[in-house]
Amino acid sequence: MGIPVTLDNELVNVARAYSSVESRSVPKQIEHWAKIGRIVEENPDLNYHAIREMLLGLEDIKNGNLEEYQPGSL
């Protein structure tokens, strides 16, 4: 469910620049930042790289990109 919100012009301008680089819409860029911020607040010991890798792993699972773990194969 979407709800209208008022955002600071500076935040929107920065989001516009990032959204262009990340191939997202401005609202999706702000949603992305909010999602990452929520995860960081809930998991203060994780850095951005760890969070990003976990999110990529979850997307792989959702898309069926799985491999069976073979002990000693590393």
C-alpha atoms as a PDB file:
ATOM      1  CA  MET A   1       0.000   0.000   0.000  1.00  0.00           C
ATOM      2  CA  GLY A   2       1.451   3.342  -0.980  1.00  0.00           C
ATOM      3  CA  ILE A   3       0.957   6.470   1.049  1.00  0.00           C
ATOM      4  CA  PRO A   4       1.944   9.985   0.086  1.00  0.00           C
ATOM      5  CA  VAL A   5       4.814  11.463   2.099  1.00  0.00           C
ATOM      6  CA  THR A   6       6.643  14.767   2.035  1.00  0.00           C
ATOM      7  CA  LEU A   7      10.396  14.445   1.691  1.00  0.00           C
ATOM      8  CA  ASP A   8      13.202  16.950   1.980  1.00  0.00           C
ATOM      9  CA  ASN A   9      14.220  18.332  -1.440  1.00  0.00           C
ATOM     10  CA  GLU A  10      17.884  17.552  -0.777  1.00  0.00           C
ATOM     11  CA  LEU A  11      17.065  13.867  -0.107  1.00  0.00           C
ATOM     12  CA  VAL A  12      15.029  13.665  -3.313  1.00  0.00           C
ATOM     13  CA  ASN A  13      17.815  15.306  -5.346  1.00  0.00           C
ATOM     14  CA  VAL A  14      20.436  12.915  -3.994  1.00  0.00           C
ATOM     15  CA  ALA A  15      18.084   9.978  -4.570  1.00  0.00           C
ATOM     16  CA  ARG A  16      17.564  11.167  -8.147  1.00  0.00           C
ATOM     17  CA  ALA A  17      21.320  10.987  -8.807  1.00  0.00           C
ATOM     18  CA  TYR A  18      21.679   7.554  -7.187  1.00  0.00           C
ATOM     19  CA  SER A  19      18.557   6.234  -8.895  1.00  0.00           C
ATOM     20  CA  SER A  20      20.006   7.114 -12.277  1.00  0.00           C
ATOM     21  CA  VAL A  21      23.236   5.248 -11.552  1.00  0.00           C
ATOM     22  CA  GLU A  22      21.427   2.266  -9.990  1.00  0.00           C
ATOM     23  CA  SER A  23      18.735   2.088 -12.723  1.00  0.00           C
ATOM     24  CA  ARG A  24      15.921   2.590 -10.226  1.00  0.00           C
ATOM     25  CA  SER A  25      13.118   5.094 -10.014  1.00  0.00           C
ATOM     26  CA  VAL A  26      13.488   7.793  -7.356  1.00  0.00           C
ATOM     27  CA  PRO A  27      10.800   6.189  -5.146  1.00  0.00           C
ATOM     28  CA  LYS A  28      12.459   2.761  -5.494  1.00  0.00           C
ATOM     29  CA  GLN A  29      15.841   4.270  -4.551  1.00  0.00           C
ATOM     30  CA  ILE A  30      14.345   5.784  -1.402  1.00  0.00           C
ATOM     31  CA  GLU A  31      12.623   2.445  -0.621  1.00  0.00           C
ATOM     32  CA  HIS A  32      15.992   0.723  -1.038  1.00  0.00           C
ATOM     33  CA  TRP A  33      17.660   3.116   1.399  1.00  0.00           C
ATOM     34  CA  ALA A  34      14.809   2.644   3.874  1.00  0.00           C
ATOM     35  CA  LYS A  35      15.114  -1.148   3.622  1.00  0.00           C
ATOM     36  CA  ILE A  36      18.884  -1.041   4.183  1.00  0.00           C
ATOM     37  CA  GLY A  37      18.454   1.415   7.061  1.00  0.00           C
ATOM     38  CA  ARG A  38      15.890  -0.849   8.742  1.00  0.00           C
ATOM     39  CA  ILE A  39      18.205  -3.858   8.397  1.00  0.00           C
ATOM     40  CA  VAL A  40      21.146  -1.874   9.817  1.00  0.00           C
ATOM     41  CA  GLU A  41      19.095  -0.733  12.810  1.00  0.00           C
ATOM     42  CA  GLU A  42      17.985  -4.315  13.489  1.00  0.00           C
ATOM     43  CA  ASN A  43      21.524  -5.718  12.932  1.00  0.00           C
ATOM     44  CA  PRO A  44      24.041  -3.088  14.035  1.00  0.00           C
ATOM     45  CA  ASP A  45      26.972  -5.523  13.833  1.00  0.00           C
ATOM     46  CA  LEU A  46      26.558  -6.053  10.089  1.00  0.00           C
ATOM     47  CA  ASN A  47      28.221  -3.818   7.545  1.00  0.00           C
ATOM     48  CA  TYR A  48      26.697  -2.822   4.207  1.00  0.00           C
ATOM     49  CA  HIS A  49      28.683  -5.441   2.273  1.00  0.00           C
ATOM     50  CA  ALA A  50      27.391  -8.281   4.495  1.00  0.00           C
ATOM     51  CA  ILE A  51      23.810  -7.030   4.217  1.00  0.00           C
ATOM     52  CA  ARG A  52      24.098  -6.734   0.439  1.00  0.00           C
ATOM     53  CA  GLU A  53      25.464 -10.278   0.120  1.00  0.00           C
ATOM     54  CA  MET A  54      22.653 -11.650   2.303  1.00  0.00           C
ATOM     55  CA  LEU A  55      20.016  -9.853   0.230  1.00  0.00           C
ATOM     56  CA  LEU A  56      21.598 -11.212  -2.971  1.00  0.00           C
ATOM     57  CA  GLY A  57      21.568 -14.706  -1.458  1.00  0.00           C
ATOM     58  CA  LEU A  58      17.884 -14.396  -0.583  1.00  0.00           C
ATOM     59  CA  GLU A  59      17.129 -13.295  -4.156  1.00  0.00           C
ATOM     60  CA  ASP A  60      19.053 -16.317  -5.468  1.00  0.00           C
ATOM     61  CA  ILE A  61      16.894 -18.574  -3.289  1.00  0.00           C
ATOM     62  CA  LYS A  62      13.691 -16.894  -4.512  1.00  0.00           C
ATOM     63  CA  ASN A  63      14.841 -17.357  -8.120  1.00  0.00           C
ATOM     64  CA  GLY A  64      15.841 -20.984  -7.641  1.00  0.00           C
ATOM     65  CA  ASN A  65      19.555 -20.350  -8.158  1.00  0.00           C
ATOM     66  CA  LEU A  66      20.707 -23.026  -5.730  1.00  0.00           C
ATOM     67  CA  GLU A  67      23.529 -25.509  -5.617  1.00  0.00           C
ATOM     68  CA  GLU A  68      23.794 -28.465  -3.284  1.00  0.00           C
ATOM     69  CA  TYR A  69      26.617 -28.023  -0.790  1.00  0.00           C
ATOM     70  CA  GLN A  70      29.372 -30.588  -1.223  1.00  0.00           C
ATOM     71  CA  PRO A  71      31.563 -30.880   1.905  1.00  0.00           C
ATOM     72  CA  GLY A  72      35.214 -30.263   1.134  1.00  0.00           C
ATOM     73  CA  SER A  73      34.476 -28.668  -2.213  1.00  0.00           C
ATOM     74  CA  LEU A  74      35.731 -25.225  -1.209  1.00  0.00           C
END
